[in-house]
Amino acid sequence: QVQLVESGGGLVQAGGSLRLSCAASGRTFSRYVMGWFRQAPGKEREFVATISWSGDTTVHADSVKGRFTISRDNAKSTVYLQMNSLKPEDTAVYYCAARTTFTIATIRLGGMDYWGKGTLVTVSS
């Protein structure tokens, strides 16, 4: 079992930046593929980005490609989401999640084993 705690959310103006962090505890962090997802008000949860165990492979959703970057520090058991050029449509609760296998199709559909409680990001126009 792994526990995930997100932080770094808040209110930012359009065009601004935020960096989300997700601290993991419980099991060996490097054994887990990590992902970020988001859920906007009234909408379904959607995939944002994922990163492999060592961090050498990343996949980002088309909606955030070129603006968001996922990264990880296995020594700190933490995964990050750097968000630049934020838009009002990026407003959502952002969730960190983990699974043991790097299956992109499953990850894109939200097929993760562990989830954090989320952190709210609000982008004002």
N, C-alpha and C. Protein backbone atom coordinates (compact mmCIF):
# COMPACT_ATOMS: atom_id res chain seq x y z
N GLN A 1 0.85 -1.19 0.00
CA GLN A 1 0.00 0.00 0.00
C GLN A 1 0.89 1.24 0.00
N VAL A 2 0.46 2.26 -0.72
CA VAL A 2 1.19 3.52 -0.74
C VAL A 2 0.20 4.64 -0.48
N GLN A 3 0.64 5.61 0.31
CA GLN A 3 -0.18 6.78 0.62
C GLN A 3 0.36 7.98 -0.16
N LEU A 4 -0.56 8.77 -0.71
CA LEU A 4 -0.20 9.90 -1.55
C LEU A 4 -0.83 11.18 -1.03
N VAL A 5 -0.02 12.23 -0.93
CA VAL A 5 -0.52 13.52 -0.44
C VAL A 5 -0.07 14.62 -1.39
N GLU A 6 -1.04 15.28 -2.01
CA GLU A 6 -0.75 16.36 -2.93
C GLU A 6 -0.64 17.69 -2.20
N SER A 7 0.11 18.60 -2.79
CA SER A 7 0.22 19.97 -2.27
C SER A 7 0.59 20.89 -3.42
N GLY A 8 0.47 22.20 -3.17
CA GLY A 8 0.90 23.18 -4.15
C GLY A 8 -0.21 23.84 -4.93
N GLY A 9 -1.45 23.41 -4.71
CA GLY A 9 -2.55 24.05 -5.41
C GLY A 9 -2.81 25.45 -4.88
N GLY A 10 -3.66 26.17 -5.60
CA GLY A 10 -4.00 27.52 -5.16
C GLY A 10 -4.64 28.31 -6.28
N LEU A 11 -4.70 29.62 -6.05
CA LEU A 11 -5.30 30.54 -7.02
C LEU A 11 -4.20 31.25 -7.79
N VAL A 12 -4.32 31.26 -9.10
CA VAL A 12 -3.31 31.89 -9.95
C VAL A 12 -4.01 32.56 -11.12
N GLN A 13 -3.43 33.62 -11.62
CA GLN A 13 -4.00 34.30 -12.78
C GLN A 13 -3.63 33.55 -14.06
N ALA A 14 -4.46 33.72 -15.06
CA ALA A 14 -4.17 33.12 -16.36
C ALA A 14 -2.80 33.57 -16.84
N GLY A 15 -2.06 32.61 -17.39
CA GLY A 15 -0.70 32.88 -17.83
C GLY A 15 0.35 32.60 -16.77
N GLY A 16 -0.09 32.37 -15.55
CA GLY A 16 0.83 32.12 -14.45
C GLY A 16 1.26 30.67 -14.38
N SER A 17 2.02 30.37 -13.31
CA SER A 17 2.57 29.03 -13.12
C SER A 17 2.33 28.53 -11.71
N LEU A 18 2.27 27.22 -11.59
CA LEU A 18 2.22 26.55 -10.29
C LEU A 18 2.99 25.25 -10.41
N ARG A 19 3.52 24.79 -9.30
CA ARG A 19 4.12 23.47 -9.26
C ARG A 19 3.44 22.64 -8.19
N LEU A 20 2.83 21.56 -8.61
CA LEU A 20 2.21 20.63 -7.68
C LEU A 20 3.22 19.57 -7.26
N SER A 21 3.09 19.14 -6.02
CA SER A 21 3.92 18.06 -5.51
C SER A 21 3.03 16.97 -4.96
N CYS A 22 3.53 15.76 -5.01
CA CYS A 22 2.82 14.62 -4.44
C CYS A 22 3.84 13.76 -3.70
N ALA A 23 3.70 13.73 -2.40
CA ALA A 23 4.62 12.95 -1.55
C ALA A 23 4.04 11.57 -1.29
N ALA A 24 4.85 10.56 -1.50
CA ALA A 24 4.41 9.19 -1.31
C ALA A 24 5.08 8.57 -0.09
N SER A 25 4.35 7.68 0.55
CA SER A 25 4.90 6.95 1.70
C SER A 25 4.29 5.57 1.73
N GLY A 26 4.98 4.66 2.39
CA GLY A 26 4.44 3.33 2.60
C GLY A 26 5.23 2.22 1.92
N ARG A 27 5.48 2.34 0.65
CA ARG A 27 6.21 1.31 -0.08
C ARG A 27 7.31 1.98 -0.90
N THR A 28 8.15 1.20 -1.49
CA THR A 28 9.25 1.74 -2.28
C THR A 28 8.72 2.53 -3.47
N PHE A 29 8.96 3.83 -3.42
CA PHE A 29 8.39 4.74 -4.41
C PHE A 29 8.81 4.40 -5.83
N SER A 30 10.04 3.99 -6.00
CA SER A 30 10.55 3.72 -7.35
C SER A 30 9.90 2.52 -8.02
N ARG A 31 9.10 1.77 -7.30
CA ARG A 31 8.39 0.62 -7.88
C ARG A 31 7.08 1.04 -8.55
N TYR A 32 6.73 2.32 -8.40
CA TYR A 32 5.44 2.78 -8.88
C TYR A 32 5.55 3.73 -10.06
N VAL A 33 4.71 3.49 -11.04
CA VAL A 33 4.44 4.45 -12.09
C VAL A 33 3.50 5.49 -11.50
N MET A 34 3.78 6.74 -11.77
CA MET A 34 2.98 7.82 -11.18
C MET A 34 2.21 8.58 -12.25
N GLY A 35 1.10 9.15 -11.83
CA GLY A 35 0.31 9.92 -12.77
C GLY A 35 -0.38 11.09 -12.10
N TRP A 36 -0.73 12.07 -12.91
CA TRP A 36 -1.56 13.19 -12.48
C TRP A 36 -2.85 13.18 -13.28
N PHE A 37 -3.94 13.42 -12.60
CA PHE A 37 -5.26 13.50 -13.20
C PHE A 37 -5.93 14.76 -12.68
N ARG A 38 -7.01 15.17 -13.31
CA ARG A 38 -7.74 16.34 -12.83
C ARG A 38 -9.22 16.17 -13.09
N GLN A 39 -10.00 16.84 -12.26
CA GLN A 39 -11.45 16.82 -12.42
C GLN A 39 -11.97 18.23 -12.24
N ALA A 40 -12.52 18.77 -13.30
CA ALA A 40 -13.11 20.11 -13.25
C ALA A 40 -14.55 20.00 -12.77
N PRO A 41 -15.11 21.09 -12.25
CA PRO A 41 -16.49 21.06 -11.77
C PRO A 41 -17.45 20.60 -12.86
N GLY A 42 -18.26 19.60 -12.55
CA GLY A 42 -19.26 19.13 -13.49
C GLY A 42 -18.74 18.25 -14.60
N LYS A 43 -17.45 17.92 -14.54
CA LYS A 43 -16.85 17.11 -15.60
C LYS A 43 -16.26 15.83 -15.02
N GLU A 44 -15.99 14.89 -15.91
CA GLU A 44 -15.36 13.65 -15.48
C GLU A 44 -13.86 13.87 -15.26
N ARG A 45 -13.31 13.01 -14.47
CA ARG A 45 -11.87 13.06 -14.22
C ARG A 45 -11.13 12.73 -15.52
N GLU A 46 -10.03 13.43 -15.77
CA GLU A 46 -9.27 13.19 -17.00
C GLU A 46 -7.79 13.04 -16.71
N PHE A 47 -7.14 12.30 -17.58
CA PHE A 47 -5.70 12.07 -17.51
C PHE A 47 -4.95 13.35 -17.85
N VAL A 48 -3.87 13.61 -17.10
CA VAL A 48 -3.02 14.77 -17.37
C VAL A 48 -1.63 14.33 -17.82
N ALA A 49 -0.99 13.48 -17.03
CA ALA A 49 0.37 13.06 -17.36
C ALA A 49 0.75 11.83 -16.56
N THR A 50 1.74 11.10 -17.07
CA THR A 50 2.25 9.95 -16.35
C THR A 50 3.75 9.84 -16.54
N ILE A 51 4.42 9.18 -15.62
CA ILE A 51 5.87 9.05 -15.67
C ILE A 51 6.27 7.65 -15.23
N SER A 52 7.26 7.10 -15.90
CA SER A 52 7.70 5.74 -15.60
C SER A 52 8.48 5.68 -14.30
N TRP A 53 8.85 4.47 -13.88
CA TRP A 53 9.48 4.27 -12.58
C TRP A 53 10.76 5.10 -12.41
N SER A 54 11.58 5.13 -13.44
CA SER A 54 12.85 5.86 -13.32
C SER A 54 12.74 7.30 -13.77
N GLY A 55 11.62 7.63 -14.42
CA GLY A 55 11.43 8.99 -14.93
C GLY A 55 11.91 9.19 -16.35
N ASP A 56 12.37 8.13 -17.00
CA ASP A 56 12.92 8.33 -18.34
C ASP A 56 11.85 8.39 -19.42
N THR A 57 10.64 8.03 -19.08
CA THR A 57 9.54 8.09 -20.05
C THR A 57 8.37 8.85 -19.44
N THR A 58 7.87 9.83 -20.18
CA THR A 58 6.71 10.58 -19.74
C THR A 58 5.70 10.67 -20.89
N VAL A 59 4.45 10.79 -20.53
CA VAL A 59 3.36 10.98 -21.50
C VAL A 59 2.47 12.08 -20.94
N HIS A 60 2.14 13.04 -21.79
CA HIS A 60 1.27 14.14 -21.38
C HIS A 60 0.04 14.17 -22.28
N ALA A 61 -1.08 14.57 -21.70
CA ALA A 61 -2.29 14.74 -22.48
C ALA A 61 -2.08 15.87 -23.48
N ASP A 62 -2.76 15.77 -24.62
CA ASP A 62 -2.62 16.79 -25.65
C ASP A 62 -3.01 18.17 -25.12
N SER A 63 -3.96 18.22 -24.22
CA SER A 63 -4.47 19.50 -23.71
C SER A 63 -3.43 20.25 -22.88
N VAL A 64 -2.41 19.56 -22.39
CA VAL A 64 -1.41 20.21 -21.54
C VAL A 64 -0.01 20.13 -22.13
N LYS A 65 0.15 19.44 -23.24
CA LYS A 65 1.46 19.24 -23.84
C LYS A 65 2.10 20.59 -24.18
N GLY A 66 3.35 20.75 -23.79
CA GLY A 66 4.05 22.01 -24.01
C GLY A 66 3.86 23.02 -22.90
N ARG A 67 2.91 22.78 -22.01
CA ARG A 67 2.68 23.71 -20.90
C ARG A 67 2.95 23.05 -19.54
N PHE A 68 2.62 21.77 -19.41
CA PHE A 68 2.81 21.05 -18.16
C PHE A 68 3.94 20.05 -18.32
N THR A 69 4.66 19.79 -17.21
CA THR A 69 5.73 18.80 -17.24
C THR A 69 5.69 17.98 -15.96
N ILE A 70 5.62 16.67 -16.12
CA ILE A 70 5.67 15.78 -14.98
C ILE A 70 7.12 15.35 -14.75
N SER A 71 7.50 15.23 -13.48
CA SER A 71 8.84 14.77 -13.14
C SER A 71 8.77 14.07 -11.79
N ARG A 72 9.85 13.40 -11.42
CA ARG A 72 9.87 12.71 -10.14
C ARG A 72 11.27 12.73 -9.55
N ASP A 73 11.31 12.63 -8.23
CA ASP A 73 12.56 12.51 -7.49
C ASP A 73 12.41 11.29 -6.59
N ASN A 74 12.98 10.18 -7.01
CA ASN A 74 12.80 8.94 -6.24
C ASN A 74 13.47 9.01 -4.87
N ALA A 75 14.51 9.79 -4.76
CA ALA A 75 15.18 9.93 -3.46
C ALA A 75 14.28 10.63 -2.45
N LYS A 76 13.37 11.47 -2.95
CA LYS A 76 12.45 12.19 -2.08
C LYS A 76 11.06 11.60 -2.10
N SER A 77 10.88 10.51 -2.85
CA SER A 77 9.56 9.87 -2.97
C SER A 77 8.48 10.88 -3.35
N THR A 78 8.79 11.69 -4.32
CA THR A 78 7.89 12.78 -4.71
C THR A 78 7.79 12.87 -6.23
N VAL A 79 6.58 13.13 -6.69
CA VAL A 79 6.34 13.41 -8.09
C VAL A 79 5.81 14.83 -8.21
N TYR A 80 6.18 15.50 -9.28
CA TYR A 80 5.83 16.90 -9.47
C TYR A 80 5.04 17.10 -10.75
N LEU A 81 4.30 18.19 -10.78
CA LEU A 81 3.66 18.64 -12.01
C LEU A 81 3.90 20.13 -12.12
N GLN A 82 4.81 20.51 -13.01
CA GLN A 82 5.07 21.92 -13.27
C GLN A 82 4.05 22.39 -14.31
N MET A 83 3.29 23.42 -13.94
CA MET A 83 2.23 23.91 -14.81
C MET A 83 2.53 25.36 -15.18
N ASN A 84 2.75 25.59 -16.45
CA ASN A 84 3.03 26.93 -16.96
C ASN A 84 1.93 27.38 -17.91
N SER A 85 1.89 28.66 -18.18
CA SER A 85 0.90 29.21 -19.12
C SER A 85 -0.50 28.72 -18.78
N LEU A 86 -0.86 28.82 -17.54
CA LEU A 86 -2.15 28.29 -17.10
C LEU A 86 -3.32 29.04 -17.71
N LYS A 87 -4.38 28.30 -17.96
CA LYS A 87 -5.59 28.83 -18.56
C LYS A 87 -6.76 28.60 -17.61
N PRO A 88 -7.81 29.41 -17.72
CA PRO A 88 -8.98 29.18 -16.86
C PRO A 88 -9.52 27.76 -16.97
N GLU A 89 -9.43 27.15 -18.14
CA GLU A 89 -9.92 25.78 -18.31
C GLU A 89 -9.06 24.74 -17.62
N ASP A 90 -7.93 25.14 -17.06
CA ASP A 90 -7.12 24.23 -16.25
C ASP A 90 -7.64 24.15 -14.81
N THR A 91 -8.62 24.97 -14.48
CA THR A 91 -9.19 24.94 -13.14
C THR A 91 -9.79 23.56 -12.85
N ALA A 92 -9.33 22.95 -11.76
CA ALA A 92 -9.77 21.59 -11.42
C ALA A 92 -9.15 21.17 -10.10
N VAL A 93 -9.64 20.08 -9.57
CA VAL A 93 -8.94 19.39 -8.50
C VAL A 93 -7.96 18.43 -9.17
N TYR A 94 -6.71 18.52 -8.77
CA TYR A 94 -5.65 17.70 -9.36
C TYR A 94 -5.30 16.56 -8.40
N TYR A 95 -5.28 15.36 -8.95
CA TYR A 95 -5.03 14.16 -8.16
C TYR A 95 -3.74 13.48 -8.61
N CYS A 96 -3.02 12.99 -7.65
CA CYS A 96 -1.85 12.16 -7.87
C CYS A 96 -2.28 10.70 -7.73
N ALA A 97 -1.69 9.82 -8.53
CA ALA A 97 -2.08 8.42 -8.47
C ALA A 97 -0.88 7.53 -8.80
N ALA A 98 -0.99 6.26 -8.41
CA ALA A 98 0.12 5.33 -8.60
C ALA A 98 -0.38 3.95 -9.03
N ARG A 99 0.44 3.27 -9.79
CA ARG A 99 0.21 1.87 -10.14
C ARG A 99 1.57 1.24 -10.38
N THR A 100 1.61 -0.07 -10.48
CA THR A 100 2.91 -0.74 -10.59
C THR A 100 3.36 -0.97 -12.02
N THR A 101 2.43 -0.99 -12.98
CA THR A 101 2.82 -1.27 -14.36
C THR A 101 2.59 -0.06 -15.25
N PHE A 102 3.45 0.10 -16.26
CA PHE A 102 3.41 1.25 -17.15
C PHE A 102 2.60 0.88 -18.40
N THR A 103 1.29 0.83 -18.21
CA THR A 103 0.38 0.49 -19.31
C THR A 103 -0.37 1.76 -19.67
N ILE A 104 0.07 2.41 -20.74
CA ILE A 104 -0.42 3.75 -21.07
C ILE A 104 -1.92 3.77 -21.27
N ALA A 105 -2.44 2.80 -22.01
CA ALA A 105 -3.88 2.79 -22.30
C ALA A 105 -4.70 2.73 -21.01
N THR A 106 -4.26 1.89 -20.10
CA THR A 106 -4.98 1.75 -18.83
C THR A 106 -4.84 3.01 -17.99
N ILE A 107 -3.65 3.57 -17.99
CA ILE A 107 -3.42 4.79 -17.21
C ILE A 107 -4.28 5.92 -17.73
N ARG A 108 -4.36 6.08 -19.04
CA ARG A 108 -5.17 7.15 -19.63
C ARG A 108 -6.63 7.06 -19.22
N LEU A 109 -7.08 5.85 -18.95
CA LEU A 109 -8.48 5.64 -18.53
C LEU A 109 -8.65 5.75 -17.02
N GLY A 110 -7.58 6.10 -16.32
CA GLY A 110 -7.66 6.25 -14.87
C GLY A 110 -7.50 4.96 -14.10
N GLY A 111 -6.93 3.95 -14.72
CA GLY A 111 -6.77 2.65 -14.08
C GLY A 111 -5.58 2.63 -13.14
N MET A 112 -5.64 3.38 -12.07
CA MET A 112 -4.56 3.46 -11.09
C MET A 112 -4.98 2.72 -9.82
N ASP A 113 -3.97 2.30 -9.06
CA ASP A 113 -4.25 1.51 -7.87
C ASP A 113 -4.41 2.36 -6.60
N TYR A 114 -3.70 3.47 -6.56
CA TYR A 114 -3.74 4.32 -5.37
C TYR A 114 -3.94 5.77 -5.79
N TRP A 115 -4.70 6.49 -4.96
CA TRP A 115 -5.03 7.88 -5.26
C TRP A 115 -4.82 8.76 -4.04
N GLY A 116 -4.41 10.01 -4.31
CA GLY A 116 -4.40 11.00 -3.26
C GLY A 116 -5.77 11.65 -3.15
N LYS A 117 -5.89 12.60 -2.24
CA LYS A 117 -7.18 13.26 -2.02
C LYS A 117 -7.36 14.50 -2.88
N GLY A 118 -6.31 14.93 -3.52
CA GLY A 118 -6.41 16.03 -4.46
C GLY A 118 -6.04 17.39 -3.89
N THR A 119 -5.70 18.30 -4.81
CA THR A 119 -5.41 19.68 -4.46
C THR A 119 -6.06 20.56 -5.52
N LEU A 120 -6.70 21.65 -5.06
CA LEU A 120 -7.47 22.49 -5.96
C LEU A 120 -6.60 23.54 -6.62
N VAL A 121 -6.72 23.63 -7.93
CA VAL A 121 -6.07 24.67 -8.71
C VAL A 121 -7.16 25.52 -9.35
N THR A 122 -7.10 26.83 -9.10
CA THR A 122 -8.07 27.76 -9.67
C THR A 122 -7.32 28.80 -10.48
N VAL A 123 -7.68 28.90 -11.76
CA VAL A 123 -7.02 29.86 -12.65
C VAL A 123 -8.05 30.94 -13.01
N SER A 124 -7.75 32.16 -12.63
CA SER A 124 -8.67 33.27 -12.90
C SER A 124 -8.31 33.94 -14.22
N SER A 125 -9.34 34.45 -14.88
CA SER A 125 -9.12 35.09 -16.19
C SER A 125 -8.82 36.57 -16.04
